[in-house]
C-alpha atoms as a PDB file:
ATOM      1  CA  MET A   1       1.307  10.991   7.100  1.00  0.00           C
ATOM      2  CA  LYS A   2      -0.410   7.690   7.824  1.00  0.00           C
ATOM      3  CA  THR A   3       1.251   4.879   9.756  1.00  0.00           C
ATOM      4  CA  ILE A   4       0.054   1.301  10.078  1.00  0.00           C
ATOM      5  CA  VAL A   5       1.503  -1.211  12.528  1.00  0.00           C
ATOM      6  CA  VAL A   6       1.095  -4.864  11.547  1.00  0.00           C
ATOM      7  CA  LEU A   7       1.216  -6.873  14.775  1.00  0.00           C
ATOM      8  CA  GLY A   8       2.200 -10.521  14.315  1.00  0.00           C
ATOM      9  CA  SER A   9       2.034 -11.943  17.812  1.00  0.00           C
ATOM     10  CA  ALA A  10       0.180 -14.883  19.350  1.00  0.00           C
ATOM     11  CA  ARG A  11      -0.860 -12.482  22.141  1.00  0.00           C
ATOM     12  CA  SER A  12      -2.612  -9.267  21.169  1.00  0.00           C
ATOM     13  CA  ASP A  13      -1.751  -7.668  24.502  1.00  0.00           C
ATOM     14  CA  GLY A  14       1.693  -9.183  25.126  1.00  0.00           C
ATOM     15  CA  HIS A  15       5.259  -7.916  25.206  1.00  0.00           C
ATOM     16  CA  THR A  16       5.339  -7.051  21.519  1.00  0.00           C
ATOM     17  CA  ARG A  17       2.247  -4.847  21.819  1.00  0.00           C
ATOM     18  CA  ALA A  18       3.894  -3.123  24.806  1.00  0.00           C
ATOM     19  CA  ALA A  19       7.041  -2.642  22.713  1.00  0.00           C
ATOM     20  CA  VAL A  20       4.947  -1.021  19.990  1.00  0.00           C
ATOM     21  CA  GLU A  21       3.429   1.364  22.495  1.00  0.00           C
ATOM     22  CA  GLN A  22       6.865   2.301  23.851  1.00  0.00           C
ATOM     23  CA  LEU A  23       9.076   2.196  20.757  1.00  0.00           C
ATOM     24  CA  CYS A  24       6.917   3.130  17.777  1.00  0.00           C
ATOM     25  CA  PRO A  25       8.589   6.115  16.117  1.00  0.00           C
ATOM     26  CA  PHE A  26       5.157   7.576  15.291  1.00  0.00           C
ATOM     27  CA  ALA A  27       2.735   9.003  17.837  1.00  0.00           C
ATOM     28  CA  GLU A  28      -0.356   8.032  15.861  1.00  0.00           C
ATOM     29  CA  TYR A  29      -0.896   4.764  14.041  1.00  0.00           C
ATOM     30  CA  GLU A  30      -3.517   2.227  13.070  1.00  0.00           C
ATOM     31  CA  LEU A  31      -2.897  -1.240  14.481  1.00  0.00           C
ATOM     32  CA  ILE A  32      -3.666  -4.324  12.411  1.00  0.00           C
ATOM     33  CA  ASP A  33      -3.557  -7.434  14.604  1.00  0.00           C
ATOM     34  CA  LEU A  34      -2.907 -10.457  12.376  1.00  0.00           C
ATOM     35  CA  ARG A  35      -4.095 -12.771  15.142  1.00  0.00           C
ATOM     36  CA  THR A  36      -7.638 -11.466  14.715  1.00  0.00           C
ATOM     37  CA  LEU A  37      -7.710 -11.919  10.924  1.00  0.00           C
ATOM     38  CA  ASN A  38      -8.251 -14.829   8.588  1.00  0.00           C
ATOM     39  CA  ILE A  39      -5.126 -15.017   6.423  1.00  0.00           C
ATOM     40  CA  HIS A  40      -4.419 -18.367   4.801  1.00  0.00           C
ATOM     41  CA  PRO A  41      -0.941 -19.634   3.901  1.00  0.00           C
ATOM     42  CA  TYR A  42       0.380 -19.053   0.402  1.00  0.00           C
ATOM     43  CA  ASP A  43      -1.231 -21.387  -2.122  1.00  0.00           C
ATOM     44  CA  TYR A  44       0.347 -21.874  -5.545  1.00  0.00           C
ATOM     45  CA  ASP A  45      -3.084 -22.525  -7.078  1.00  0.00           C
ATOM     46  CA  HIS A  46      -4.774 -19.604  -5.246  1.00  0.00           C
ATOM     47  CA  GLN A  47      -7.671 -21.859  -4.284  1.00  0.00           C
ATOM     48  CA  THR A  48      -7.730 -21.606  -0.488  1.00  0.00           C
ATOM     49  CA  ASN A  49      -6.799 -17.961  -0.028  1.00  0.00           C
ATOM     50  CA  ARG A  50      -9.117 -16.103  -2.400  1.00  0.00           C
ATOM     51  CA  ALA A  51     -11.608 -14.922   0.196  1.00  0.00           C
ATOM     52  CA  ASP A  52      -9.365 -14.268   3.183  1.00  0.00           C
ATOM     53  CA  ASP A  53      -8.324 -10.915   4.698  1.00  0.00           C
ATOM     54  CA  PHE A  54      -4.895 -10.568   3.074  1.00  0.00           C
ATOM     55  CA  LEU A  55      -5.793  -8.268   0.183  1.00  0.00           C
ATOM     56  CA  SER A  56      -7.858  -5.964   2.413  1.00  0.00           C
ATOM     57  CA  VAL A  57      -4.838  -5.544   4.696  1.00  0.00           C
ATOM     58  CA  ILE A  58      -2.593  -4.826   1.707  1.00  0.00           C
ATOM     59  CA  ALA A  59      -5.089  -2.227   0.457  1.00  0.00           C
ATOM     60  CA  LYS A  60      -4.714  -0.454   3.812  1.00  0.00           C
ATOM     61  CA  LEU A  61      -0.916  -0.678   3.637  1.00  0.00           C
ATOM     62  CA  ALA A  62      -1.029   0.799   0.137  1.00  0.00           C
ATOM     63  CA  GLU A  63      -2.703   3.899   1.608  1.00  0.00           C
ATOM     64  CA  ALA A  64      -0.109   4.308   4.371  1.00  0.00           C
ATOM     65  CA  ASP A  65       3.131   6.261   4.261  1.00  0.00           C
ATOM     66  CA  HIS A  66       4.843   4.186   6.948  1.00  0.00           C
ATOM     67  CA  ILE A  67       4.493   0.464   7.644  1.00  0.00           C
ATOM     68  CA  VAL A  68       5.735  -0.953  10.940  1.00  0.00           C
ATOM     69  CA  PHE A  69       6.017  -4.722  11.298  1.00  0.00           C
ATOM     70  CA  ALA A  70       5.914  -5.838  14.935  1.00  0.00           C
ATOM     71  CA  THR A  71       6.845  -9.337  16.024  1.00  0.00           C
ATOM     72  CA  PRO A  72       8.167 -11.292  18.935  1.00  0.00           C
ATOM     73  CA  VAL A  73      11.364 -13.211  18.345  1.00  0.00           C
ATOM     74  CA  TYR A  74      10.312 -16.863  18.062  1.00  0.00           C
ATOM     75  CA  TRP A  75      13.182 -19.319  17.673  1.00  0.00           C
ATOM     76  CA  TYR A  76      15.480 -16.564  16.343  1.00  0.00           C
ATOM     77  CA  ALA A  77      13.031 -15.453  13.644  1.00  0.00           C
ATOM     78  CA  MET A  78       9.798 -13.545  13.120  1.00  0.00           C
ATOM     79  CA  SER A  79       6.580 -15.110  14.376  1.00  0.00           C
ATOM     80  CA  GLY A  80       4.754 -17.688  12.286  1.00  0.00           C
ATOM     81  CA  LEU A  81       1.817 -15.295  11.895  1.00  0.00           C
ATOM     82  CA  LEU A  82       4.021 -12.640  10.368  1.00  0.00           C
ATOM     83  CA  LYS A  83       5.969 -15.136   8.248  1.00  0.00           C
ATOM     84  CA  ASN A  84       2.683 -16.438   6.829  1.00  0.00           C
ATOM     85  CA  PHE A  85       1.773 -12.825   5.990  1.00  0.00           C
ATOM     86  CA  PHE A  86       5.172 -12.238   4.345  1.00  0.00           C
ATOM     87  CA  ASP A  87       4.788 -15.415   2.266  1.00  0.00           C
ATOM     88  CA  ARG A  88       1.582 -13.978   0.857  1.00  0.00           C
ATOM     89  CA  PHE A  89       3.463 -11.020  -0.640  1.00  0.00           C
ATOM     90  CA  THR A  90       4.010 -13.462  -3.504  1.00  0.00           C
ATOM     91  CA  ASP A  91       0.342 -12.889  -4.412  1.00  0.00           C
ATOM     92  CA  LEU A  92       1.182  -9.253  -5.169  1.00  0.00           C
ATOM     93  CA  LEU A  93       3.950  -9.728  -7.698  1.00  0.00           C
ATOM     94  CA  GLY A  94       3.037  -8.052 -10.949  1.00  0.00           C
ATOM     95  CA  THR A  95      -0.213  -6.567  -9.599  1.00  0.00           C
ATOM     96  CA  ASP A  96      -1.283  -2.942  -9.385  1.00  0.00           C
ATOM     97  CA  LEU A  97      -1.918  -3.358  -5.658  1.00  0.00           C
ATOM     98  CA  GLY A  98       1.603  -4.696  -5.153  1.00  0.00           C
ATOM     99  CA  ARG A  99       3.090  -1.782  -7.094  1.00  0.00           C
ATOM    100  CA  ARG A 100       1.295   0.630  -4.760  1.00  0.00           C
ATOM    101  CA  LEU A 101       3.654  -0.447  -1.954  1.00  0.00           C
ATOM    102  CA  LYS A 102       6.595   1.110  -3.795  1.00  0.00           C
ATOM    103  CA  GLY A 103       8.260   3.895  -1.850  1.00  0.00           C
ATOM    104  CA  LYS A 104       6.632   3.088   1.505  1.00  0.00           C
ATOM    105  CA  SER A 105       8.861   3.406   4.566  1.00  0.00           C
ATOM    106  CA  VAL A 106       9.246   0.162   6.518  1.00  0.00           C
ATOM    107  CA  TYR A 107      10.215  -0.213  10.175  1.00  0.00           C
ATOM    108  CA  LEU A 108      10.578  -3.209  12.473  1.00  0.00           C
ATOM    109  CA  ILE A 109       9.684  -3.484  16.139  1.00  0.00           C
ATOM    110  CA  ALA A 110      10.652  -6.731  17.852  1.00  0.00           C
ATOM    111  CA  SER A 111      10.609  -8.038  21.381  1.00  0.00           C
ATOM    112  CA  GLY A 112      12.393 -11.014  22.850  1.00  0.00           C
ATOM    113  CA  SER A 113      14.152 -12.497  25.830  1.00  0.00           C
ATOM    114  CA  ASP A 114      17.730 -11.933  24.641  1.00  0.00           C
ATOM    115  CA  PRO A 115      19.619  -8.665  25.153  1.00  0.00           C
ATOM    116  CA  GLU A 116      19.584  -7.928  21.402  1.00  0.00           C
ATOM    117  CA  LEU A 117      18.145  -9.163  18.115  1.00  0.00           C
ATOM    118  CA  PRO A 118      19.634 -12.419  16.839  1.00  0.00           C
ATOM    119  CA  PRO A 119      22.120 -12.075  13.971  1.00  0.00           C
ATOM    120  CA  GLY A 120      20.334 -11.880  10.641  1.00  0.00           C
ATOM    121  CA  PHE A 121      16.895 -11.219  12.138  1.00  0.00           C
ATOM    122  CA  GLU A 122      16.386  -8.103  10.024  1.00  0.00           C
ATOM    123  CA  VAL A 123      17.360  -9.766   6.725  1.00  0.00           C
ATOM    124  CA  PRO A 124      13.838 -10.856   5.660  1.00  0.00           C
ATOM    125  CA  PHE A 125      12.492  -7.380   6.416  1.00  0.00           C
ATOM    126  CA  LYS A 126      15.264  -5.578   4.554  1.00  0.00           C
ATOM    127  CA  MET A 127      15.221  -7.932   1.561  1.00  0.00           C
ATOM    128  CA  THR A 128      11.432  -7.955   1.260  1.00  0.00           C
ATOM    129  CA  ALA A 129      11.335  -4.165   1.401  1.00  0.00           C
ATOM    130  CA  ASP A 130      14.027  -3.999  -1.242  1.00  0.00           C
ATOM    131  CA  TYR A 131      12.308  -6.546  -3.485  1.00  0.00           C
ATOM    132  CA  LEU A 132       9.022  -4.613  -3.321  1.00  0.00           C
ATOM    133  CA  SER A 133      10.814  -1.243  -3.808  1.00  0.00           C
ATOM    134  CA  MET A 134       9.965  -0.099  -0.296  1.00  0.00           C
ATOM    135  CA  ASN A 135      12.464   1.715   1.927  1.00  0.00           C
ATOM    136  CA  TYR A 136      13.619  -0.188   5.011  1.00  0.00           C
ATOM    137  CA  ARG A 137      14.402   2.482   7.583  1.00  0.00           C
ATOM    138  CA  GLN A 138      15.140   1.155  11.054  1.00  0.00           C
ATOM    139  CA  SER A 139      14.547  -1.523  13.652  1.00  0.00           C
ATOM    140  CA  PHE A 140      13.667  -1.116  17.304  1.00  0.00           C
ATOM    141  CA  TYR A 141      14.112  -3.892  19.841  1.00  0.00           C
ATOM    142  CA  GLN A 142      12.923  -4.371  23.399  1.00  0.00           C
ATOM    143  CA  GLU A 143      14.096  -7.113  25.695  1.00  0.00           C
ATOM    144  CA  SER A 144      11.086  -8.422  27.578  1.00  0.00           C
END
Protein backbone atom coordinates (compact mmCIF):
# COMPACT_ATOMS: atom_id res chain seq x y z
CA MET A 1 0.00 0.00 0.00
CA LYS A 2 1.49 3.30 -1.12
CA THR A 3 0.88 6.57 0.72
CA ILE A 4 1.69 10.06 -0.49
CA VAL A 5 1.57 13.15 1.71
CA VAL A 6 1.00 16.44 -0.13
CA LEU A 7 2.46 19.18 2.07
CA GLY A 8 1.02 22.64 1.43
CA SER A 9 2.92 24.86 3.82
CA ALA A 10 5.01 28.01 3.36
CA ARG A 11 7.64 26.32 5.56
CA SER A 12 8.89 22.89 4.54
CA ASP A 13 10.16 22.19 8.05
CA GLY A 14 7.48 23.95 10.11
CA HIS A 15 4.69 22.90 12.44
CA THR A 16 2.70 21.16 9.72
CA ARG A 17 5.65 18.97 8.75
CA ALA A 18 6.09 18.10 12.44
CA ALA A 19 2.38 17.25 12.62
CA VAL A 20 2.80 14.93 9.64
CA GLU A 21 5.67 13.17 11.34
CA GLN A 22 3.65 12.73 14.54
CA LEU A 23 0.11 12.17 13.27
CA CYS A 24 0.37 10.45 9.89
CA PRO A 25 -1.62 7.23 10.16
CA PHE A 26 0.93 5.46 7.93
CA ALA A 27 4.48 4.60 8.95
CA GLU A 28 5.87 4.93 5.43
CA TYR A 29 4.99 7.63 2.94
CA GLU A 30 6.38 9.74 0.14
CA LEU A 31 6.29 13.47 0.83
CA ILE A 32 5.48 15.93 -1.95
CA ASP A 33 6.28 19.48 -0.83
CA LEU A 34 4.21 21.89 -2.94
CA ARG A 35 6.48 24.76 -1.90
CA THR A 36 9.32 23.24 -3.91
CA LEU A 37 7.26 22.75 -7.09
CA ASN A 38 6.14 24.98 -9.92
CA ILE A 39 2.34 24.77 -9.97
CA HIS A 40 0.53 27.65 -11.63
CA PRO A 41 -2.98 28.80 -10.71
CA TYR A 42 -5.94 27.44 -12.65
CA ASP A 43 -6.21 29.02 -16.09
CA TYR A 44 -9.44 28.73 -18.07
CA ASP A 45 -7.50 28.84 -21.35
CA HIS A 46 -4.79 26.39 -20.16
CA GLN A 47 -2.09 28.68 -21.50
CA THR A 48 0.06 29.36 -18.43
CA ASN A 49 -0.09 25.98 -16.73
CA ARG A 50 0.73 23.50 -19.49
CA ALA A 51 4.34 22.89 -18.53
CA ASP A 52 4.17 23.08 -14.74
CA ASP A 53 4.47 20.24 -12.20
CA PHE A 54 0.77 19.65 -11.52
CA LEU A 55 0.17 16.68 -13.82
CA SER A 56 3.34 14.90 -12.66
CA VAL A 57 2.12 15.18 -9.06
CA ILE A 58 -1.31 13.85 -10.05
CA ALA A 59 0.35 10.92 -11.85
CA LYS A 60 2.05 10.04 -8.55
CA LEU A 61 -1.23 10.37 -6.64
CA ALA A 62 -2.90 8.08 -9.17
CA GLU A 63 -0.39 5.37 -8.22
CA ALA A 64 -0.99 5.75 -4.48
CA ASP A 65 -3.55 3.97 -2.33
CA HIS A 66 -3.71 6.71 0.30
CA ILE A 67 -3.42 10.47 -0.17
CA VAL A 68 -2.79 12.69 2.84
CA PHE A 69 -3.22 16.45 2.43
CA ALA A 70 -1.26 18.41 5.04
CA THR A 71 -1.79 22.10 5.64
CA PRO A 72 -1.50 24.76 8.26
CA VAL A 73 -4.67 26.61 9.13
CA TYR A 74 -4.32 30.04 7.50
CA TRP A 75 -7.17 32.44 8.22
CA TYR A 76 -9.53 29.54 9.05
CA ALA A 77 -8.85 27.71 5.78
CA MET A 78 -6.26 25.60 4.00
CA SER A 79 -3.06 27.28 2.87
CA GLY A 80 -2.94 29.20 -0.40
CA LEU A 81 -0.47 26.66 -1.80
CA LEU A 82 -2.87 23.81 -1.20
CA LYS A 83 -5.90 25.79 -2.38
CA ASN A 84 -4.07 26.57 -5.63
CA PHE A 85 -3.41 22.83 -6.00
CA PHE A 86 -7.07 22.00 -5.30
CA ASP A 87 -8.21 24.56 -7.89
CA ARG A 88 -6.17 22.69 -10.48
CA PHE A 89 -8.25 19.53 -9.97
CA THR A 90 -10.52 21.23 -12.51
CA ASP A 91 -7.91 20.30 -15.14
CA LEU A 92 -8.65 16.62 -14.46
CA LEU A 93 -12.38 16.58 -15.06
CA GLY A 94 -13.23 14.13 -17.80
CA THR A 95 -9.64 12.88 -18.18
CA ASP A 96 -8.27 9.38 -17.78
CA LEU A 97 -5.75 10.66 -15.24
CA GLY A 98 -8.53 12.23 -13.19
CA ARG A 99 -10.53 9.00 -13.26
CA ARG A 100 -7.52 7.15 -11.85
CA LEU A 101 -8.06 8.98 -8.53
CA LYS A 102 -11.35 7.14 -8.03
CA GLY A 103 -11.39 4.99 -4.92
CA LYS A 104 -8.29 6.52 -3.31
CA SER A 105 -8.43 7.05 0.45
CA VAL A 106 -8.02 10.68 1.49
CA TYR A 107 -6.86 11.98 4.88
CA LEU A 108 -6.21 15.46 6.24
CA ILE A 109 -3.49 16.58 8.62
CA ALA A 110 -3.69 20.18 9.80
CA SER A 111 -1.86 22.31 12.31
CA GLY A 112 -2.84 25.62 13.81
CA SER A 113 -2.83 27.86 16.83
CA ASP A 114 -6.39 27.17 17.99
CA PRO A 115 -7.35 24.21 20.19
CA GLU A 116 -9.30 22.58 17.33
CA LEU A 117 -10.02 22.92 13.62
CA PRO A 118 -12.29 25.82 12.69
CA PRO A 119 -15.89 24.90 11.84
CA GLY A 120 -16.20 23.82 8.23
CA PHE A 121 -12.46 23.40 7.67
CA GLU A 122 -12.87 19.85 6.40
CA VAL A 123 -15.66 20.69 3.92
CA PRO A 124 -13.42 21.34 0.87
CA PHE A 125 -11.54 18.10 1.51
CA LYS A 126 -14.67 16.02 1.96
CA MET A 127 -16.51 17.57 -0.99
CA THR A 128 -13.53 17.36 -3.34
CA ALA A 129 -12.99 13.72 -2.42
CA ASP A 130 -16.65 13.03 -3.01
CA TYR A 131 -16.71 14.88 -6.34
CA LEU A 132 -13.69 12.91 -7.59
CA SER A 133 -15.10 9.60 -6.23
CA MET A 134 -12.36 9.31 -3.63
CA ASN A 135 -13.04 8.20 -0.05
CA TYR A 136 -12.51 10.84 2.63
CA ARG A 137 -11.49 8.91 5.73
CA GLN A 138 -10.34 11.07 8.62
CA SER A 139 -8.70 14.28 9.77
CA PHE A 140 -5.93 14.73 12.30
CA TYR A 141 -5.19 18.06 13.95
CA GLN A 142 -2.31 19.34 16.04
CA GLU A 143 -2.31 22.61 17.91
CA SER A 144 1.09 24.21 17.45
